[in-house]
Amino acid sequence: MKTIYARGAAADAVAANPTRPATAVIHDTPDARLVVFRIAPGQVVAPHRNASTVLLTVLSGSGLVTGGDTEVSVGPGDVIAYAPNELHGMRAVNEELVLLATITPRPGSRSDVHPLALATTPADAGRGA
């Protein structure tokens, strides 16, 4: 078992550039990557796409998230799900927005793994898992 303190990790995250949101990868396995975002008022994560499924969980604060041409307000406890390759972005308006992004499978992890490496039993190996 691994306990991850996402809010604490977000508070400790450092932005590479003061005009950009602070981020930190807090868990990284072939099955999933967890990233925390601390977005200050006025900061934006520009709309982008990911080949994996992306789930955003609002840990604290409020802001706006986009999906395609739609923009919605979000607050603590809200979970937003994006399909693979769906355009998405986030921004904080009047207060800090802290998000946990769950990206599954981890970007690049499945295309590099031979199907037999994923087999859990000899029968699975025969099916290519």
Protein backbone atom coordinates (compact mmCIF):
# COMPACT_ATOMS: atom_id res chain seq x y z
CA MET A 1 0.00 0.00 0.00
CA LYS A 2 1.16 3.49 -0.80
CA THR A 3 -0.40 6.56 0.82
CA ILE A 4 -0.19 9.74 -1.23
CA TYR A 5 -0.94 13.15 0.28
CA ALA A 6 -2.10 14.93 -2.86
CA ARG A 7 -2.95 18.28 -1.22
CA GLY A 8 0.44 18.43 0.50
CA ALA A 9 2.21 17.53 -2.73
CA ALA A 10 0.28 20.27 -4.53
CA ALA A 11 1.23 22.80 -1.84
CA ASP A 12 4.91 21.84 -2.24
CA ALA A 13 4.84 21.79 -6.06
CA VAL A 14 7.10 24.28 -7.81
CA ALA A 15 6.33 25.90 -11.15
CA ALA A 16 9.10 25.90 -13.76
CA ASN A 17 8.00 29.43 -14.64
CA PRO A 18 6.16 31.81 -12.24
CA THR A 19 3.47 32.48 -14.85
CA ARG A 20 2.65 28.76 -15.21
CA PRO A 21 0.77 26.47 -12.81
CA ALA A 22 2.79 24.40 -10.35
CA THR A 23 2.68 20.65 -11.01
CA ALA A 24 4.11 17.49 -9.49
CA VAL A 25 3.95 13.84 -10.54
CA ILE A 26 2.97 12.00 -7.36
CA HIS A 27 2.59 8.46 -8.70
CA ASP A 28 3.85 6.90 -11.91
CA THR A 29 3.33 3.30 -13.00
CA PRO A 30 2.59 1.71 -16.39
CA ASP A 31 -1.10 1.61 -15.45
CA ALA A 32 -1.56 5.19 -14.24
CA ARG A 33 0.14 8.51 -13.68
CA LEU A 34 -1.12 10.93 -10.99
CA VAL A 35 -0.28 14.61 -11.33
CA VAL A 36 -1.30 17.46 -9.03
CA PHE A 37 -1.87 20.96 -10.39
CA ARG A 38 -1.89 24.14 -8.30
CA ILE A 39 -3.28 26.85 -10.55
CA ALA A 40 -3.18 30.44 -9.26
CA PRO A 41 -5.92 32.94 -10.16
CA GLY A 42 -5.50 33.98 -13.77
CA GLN A 43 -3.30 31.01 -14.68
CA VAL A 44 -4.31 28.58 -17.43
CA VAL A 45 -3.46 25.08 -18.55
CA ALA A 46 -3.99 25.54 -22.28
CA PRO A 47 -6.34 23.14 -24.06
CA HIS A 48 -4.49 20.01 -25.13
CA ARG A 49 -5.10 16.33 -25.90
CA ASN A 50 -3.88 13.13 -24.29
CA ALA A 51 -3.97 9.65 -25.84
CA SER A 52 -5.07 8.25 -22.46
CA THR A 53 -8.22 8.69 -20.39
CA VAL A 54 -7.88 11.73 -18.09
CA LEU A 55 -9.84 12.16 -14.86
CA LEU A 56 -9.63 15.50 -13.03
CA THR A 57 -10.61 15.64 -9.35
CA VAL A 58 -10.95 19.06 -7.74
CA LEU A 59 -9.15 18.91 -4.38
CA SER A 60 -9.75 22.55 -3.41
CA GLY A 61 -10.71 25.92 -4.80
CA SER A 62 -12.77 26.57 -7.86
CA GLY A 63 -12.27 27.36 -11.51
CA LEU A 64 -13.23 26.44 -15.03
CA VAL A 65 -12.49 23.35 -17.09
CA THR A 66 -12.99 22.97 -20.81
CA GLY A 67 -13.89 19.99 -22.90
CA GLY A 68 -14.07 20.67 -26.62
CA ASP A 69 -16.13 23.86 -26.97
CA THR A 70 -17.74 23.53 -23.51
CA GLU A 71 -16.58 25.30 -20.35
CA VAL A 72 -17.97 24.47 -16.89
CA SER A 73 -17.40 25.73 -13.36
CA VAL A 74 -15.96 23.22 -10.91
CA GLY A 75 -15.42 23.06 -7.17
CA PRO A 76 -14.19 20.69 -4.44
CA GLY A 77 -15.20 17.09 -4.97
CA ASP A 78 -16.10 17.47 -8.65
CA VAL A 79 -14.69 14.84 -10.99
CA ILE A 80 -14.40 15.48 -14.72
CA ALA A 81 -13.74 12.61 -17.14
CA TYR A 82 -12.16 13.06 -20.57
CA ALA A 83 -12.07 10.38 -23.23
CA PRO A 84 -8.78 9.62 -24.97
CA ASN A 85 -7.82 12.45 -27.37
CA GLU A 86 -10.58 14.76 -26.07
CA LEU A 87 -9.48 18.41 -26.00
CA HIS A 88 -9.30 19.67 -22.40
CA GLY A 89 -7.90 22.56 -20.34
CA MET A 90 -8.24 24.26 -16.95
CA ARG A 91 -8.06 27.74 -15.47
CA ALA A 92 -8.39 29.45 -12.12
CA VAL A 93 -10.41 32.64 -12.04
CA ASN A 94 -10.86 34.22 -8.59
CA GLU A 95 -9.10 31.71 -6.35
CA GLU A 96 -6.47 29.00 -6.48
CA LEU A 97 -7.61 25.74 -8.11
CA VAL A 98 -5.98 22.49 -6.98
CA LEU A 99 -6.58 19.44 -9.15
CA LEU A 100 -5.53 15.81 -9.17
CA ALA A 101 -5.20 14.39 -12.70
CA THR A 102 -5.37 10.63 -13.12
CA ILE A 103 -4.03 9.61 -16.53
CA THR A 104 -4.63 5.98 -17.45
CA PRO A 105 -2.93 4.14 -18.90
CA ARG A 106 0.26 6.08 -18.31
CA PRO A 107 1.21 7.90 -21.52
CA GLY A 108 3.56 5.79 -23.62
CA SER A 109 3.42 2.80 -21.31
CA ARG A 110 1.32 0.36 -23.30
CA SER A 111 2.80 0.92 -26.75
CA ASP A 112 6.27 -0.01 -25.46
CA VAL A 113 5.23 -3.28 -23.80
CA HIS A 114 5.09 -6.51 -25.73
CA PRO A 115 1.67 -8.22 -25.24
CA LEU A 116 3.30 -11.32 -23.74
CA ALA A 117 4.92 -9.19 -21.05
CA LEU A 118 1.42 -8.37 -19.77
CA ALA A 119 0.39 -12.02 -19.45
CA THR A 120 -0.37 -13.15 -15.90
CA THR A 121 -0.81 -16.85 -16.64
CA PRO A 122 0.29 -19.19 -19.46
CA ALA A 123 -3.31 -19.12 -20.75
CA ASP A 124 -3.19 -15.32 -20.97
CA ALA A 125 0.05 -15.53 -22.95
CA GLY A 126 -1.69 -17.64 -25.55
CA ARG A 127 -4.34 -14.93 -25.97
CA GLY A 128 -1.82 -12.06 -26.10
CA ALA A 129 -3.31 -10.61 -22.85
